[in-house]
Amino acid sequence: MLKPEEQQVFAGLVAQIEADDPTFARRAARPPRWWSVVAVLLWTIAPICIVYGGWTGLIEAFLAGGYGAHLMRRRRQWITARPRF
């Protein structure tokens, strides 16, 4: 946690970087795209694990689905928690 005066200095630095490099501002405003791609791939492979893996496939499917949900929750938290300077 930053002190209020340090937060102002940090906000000024970030504002300067965003003004100098507009592509940085766009990249910093969105979460990494691979999170959602990996989550969809994990959810897609989960039924295949169940069909071909038996009870161990069920465990693998549960883990894949849970990690996919974790990635999407993390993506949603990134979007809502991103401070706007």
C-alpha atoms as a PDB file:
ATOM      1  CA  MET A   1       0.000   0.000   0.000  1.00  0.00           C
ATOM      2  CA  LEU A   2       1.399   3.349  -0.990  1.00  0.00           C
ATOM      3  CA  LYS A   3       1.238   6.502   1.053  1.00  0.00           C
ATOM      4  CA  PRO A   4      -0.997   9.213  -0.462  1.00  0.00           C
ATOM      5  CA  GLU A   5       1.938  11.339  -1.650  1.00  0.00           C
ATOM      6  CA  GLU A   6       3.642   8.274  -3.170  1.00  0.00           C
ATOM      7  CA  GLN A   7       0.358   7.352  -4.861  1.00  0.00           C
ATOM      8  CA  GLN A   8       0.211  10.813  -6.450  1.00  0.00           C
ATOM      9  CA  VAL A   9       3.787  10.478  -7.721  1.00  0.00           C
ATOM     10  CA  PHE A  10       3.010   7.018  -9.100  1.00  0.00           C
ATOM     11  CA  ALA A  11      -0.192   8.268 -10.763  1.00  0.00           C
ATOM     12  CA  GLY A  12       1.802  11.084 -12.364  1.00  0.00           C
ATOM     13  CA  LEU A  13       4.402   8.657 -13.717  1.00  0.00           C
ATOM     14  CA  VAL A  14       1.742   6.344 -15.135  1.00  0.00           C
ATOM     15  CA  ALA A  15      -0.106   9.298 -16.693  1.00  0.00           C
ATOM     16  CA  GLN A  16       3.136  10.451 -18.346  1.00  0.00           C
ATOM     17  CA  ILE A  17       3.841   6.969 -19.726  1.00  0.00           C
ATOM     18  CA  GLU A  18       0.281   6.670 -21.046  1.00  0.00           C
ATOM     19  CA  ALA A  19       0.568  10.106 -22.698  1.00  0.00           C
ATOM     20  CA  ASP A  20       3.916   9.218 -24.318  1.00  0.00           C
ATOM     21  CA  ASP A  21       2.910   5.735 -25.489  1.00  0.00           C
ATOM     22  CA  PRO A  22      -0.763   5.204 -26.387  1.00  0.00           C
ATOM     23  CA  THR A  23      -0.216   1.504 -27.147  1.00  0.00           C
ATOM     24  CA  PHE A  24       0.975   0.972 -23.578  1.00  0.00           C
ATOM     25  CA  ALA A  25      -2.248   2.516 -22.297  1.00  0.00           C
ATOM     26  CA  ARG A  26      -4.339   0.119 -24.416  1.00  0.00           C
ATOM     27  CA  ARG A  27      -2.307  -2.933 -23.367  1.00  0.00           C
ATOM     28  CA  ALA A  28      -2.412  -1.978 -19.689  1.00  0.00           C
ATOM     29  CA  ALA A  29      -6.182  -1.417 -19.782  1.00  0.00           C
ATOM     30  CA  ARG A  30      -7.098  -4.995 -20.705  1.00  0.00           C
ATOM     31  CA  PRO A  31      -6.187  -8.294 -19.082  1.00  0.00           C
ATOM     32  CA  PRO A  32      -3.959 -10.726 -20.953  1.00  0.00           C
ATOM     33  CA  ARG A  33      -5.928 -12.334 -23.762  1.00  0.00           C
ATOM     34  CA  TRP A  34      -4.439 -15.766 -23.170  1.00  0.00           C
ATOM     35  CA  TRP A  35      -6.358 -16.112 -19.887  1.00  0.00           C
ATOM     36  CA  SER A  36      -9.692 -16.438 -21.654  1.00  0.00           C
ATOM     37  CA  VAL A  37      -8.255 -18.588 -24.471  1.00  0.00           C
ATOM     38  CA  VAL A  38      -6.729 -21.052 -22.011  1.00  0.00           C
ATOM     39  CA  ALA A  39      -9.949 -21.126 -19.958  1.00  0.00           C
ATOM     40  CA  VAL A  40     -12.039 -22.021 -23.023  1.00  0.00           C
ATOM     41  CA  LEU A  41      -9.546 -24.711 -24.056  1.00  0.00           C
ATOM     42  CA  LEU A  42      -9.613 -26.216 -20.569  1.00  0.00           C
ATOM     43  CA  TRP A  43     -13.415 -26.270 -20.543  1.00  0.00           C
ATOM     44  CA  THR A  44     -13.419 -27.845 -24.005  1.00  0.00           C
ATOM     45  CA  ILE A  45     -11.048 -30.641 -23.034  1.00  0.00           C
ATOM     46  CA  ALA A  46     -12.870 -31.467 -19.771  1.00  0.00           C
ATOM     47  CA  PRO A  47     -15.609 -33.648 -21.391  1.00  0.00           C
ATOM     48  CA  ILE A  48     -12.983 -35.449 -23.463  1.00  0.00           C
ATOM     49  CA  CYS A  49     -11.072 -36.278 -20.265  1.00  0.00           C
ATOM     50  CA  ILE A  50     -14.240 -37.710 -18.731  1.00  0.00           C
ATOM     51  CA  VAL A  51     -15.080 -39.861 -21.771  1.00  0.00           C
ATOM     52  CA  TYR A  52     -11.619 -41.273 -22.367  1.00  0.00           C
ATOM     53  CA  GLY A  53     -10.117 -41.108 -18.894  1.00  0.00           C
ATOM     54  CA  GLY A  54     -12.554 -42.911 -16.644  1.00  0.00           C
ATOM     55  CA  TRP A  55     -12.425 -41.886 -13.013  1.00  0.00           C
ATOM     56  CA  THR A  56      -8.967 -40.317 -13.374  1.00  0.00           C
ATOM     57  CA  GLY A  57     -10.313 -38.370 -16.340  1.00  0.00           C
ATOM     58  CA  LEU A  58     -13.095 -37.124 -14.082  1.00  0.00           C
ATOM     59  CA  ILE A  59     -10.499 -35.798 -11.665  1.00  0.00           C
ATOM     60  CA  GLU A  60      -8.569 -34.184 -14.520  1.00  0.00           C
ATOM     61  CA  ALA A  61     -11.772 -32.641 -15.888  1.00  0.00           C
ATOM     62  CA  PHE A  62     -12.607 -31.246 -12.457  1.00  0.00           C
ATOM     63  CA  LEU A  63      -9.141 -29.698 -12.168  1.00  0.00           C
ATOM     64  CA  ALA A  64      -9.264 -28.298 -15.724  1.00  0.00           C
ATOM     65  CA  GLY A  65     -12.707 -26.781 -15.189  1.00  0.00           C
ATOM     66  CA  GLY A  66     -11.687 -25.319 -11.851  1.00  0.00           C
ATOM     67  CA  TYR A  67      -8.540 -23.732 -13.245  1.00  0.00           C
ATOM     68  CA  GLY A  68     -10.498 -22.341 -16.194  1.00  0.00           C
ATOM     69  CA  ALA A  69     -12.964 -20.783 -13.750  1.00  0.00           C
ATOM     70  CA  HIS A  70     -10.047 -19.384 -11.738  1.00  0.00           C
ATOM     71  CA  LEU A  71      -8.581 -17.740 -14.847  1.00  0.00           C
ATOM     72  CA  MET A  72     -11.905 -16.151 -15.799  1.00  0.00           C
ATOM     73  CA  ARG A  73     -12.484 -14.918 -12.235  1.00  0.00           C
ATOM     74  CA  ARG A  74      -8.979 -13.448 -12.242  1.00  0.00           C
ATOM     75  CA  ARG A  75      -9.727 -11.739 -15.573  1.00  0.00           C
ATOM     76  CA  ARG A  76     -12.954 -10.258 -14.168  1.00  0.00           C
ATOM     77  CA  GLN A  77     -11.108  -9.035 -11.056  1.00  0.00           C
ATOM     78  CA  TRP A  78      -8.486  -7.405 -13.264  1.00  0.00           C
ATOM     79  CA  ILE A  79     -11.149  -5.485 -15.161  1.00  0.00           C
ATOM     80  CA  THR A  80     -12.991  -4.285 -12.039  1.00  0.00           C
ATOM     81  CA  ALA A  81      -9.890  -3.537  -9.940  1.00  0.00           C
ATOM     82  CA  ARG A  82      -7.909  -1.668 -12.608  1.00  0.00           C
ATOM     83  CA  PRO A  83      -7.379   1.850 -11.251  1.00  0.00           C
ATOM     84  CA  ARG A  84      -8.197   4.601 -13.682  1.00  0.00           C
ATOM     85  CA  PHE A  85      -5.669   7.441 -13.476  1.00  0.00           C
END
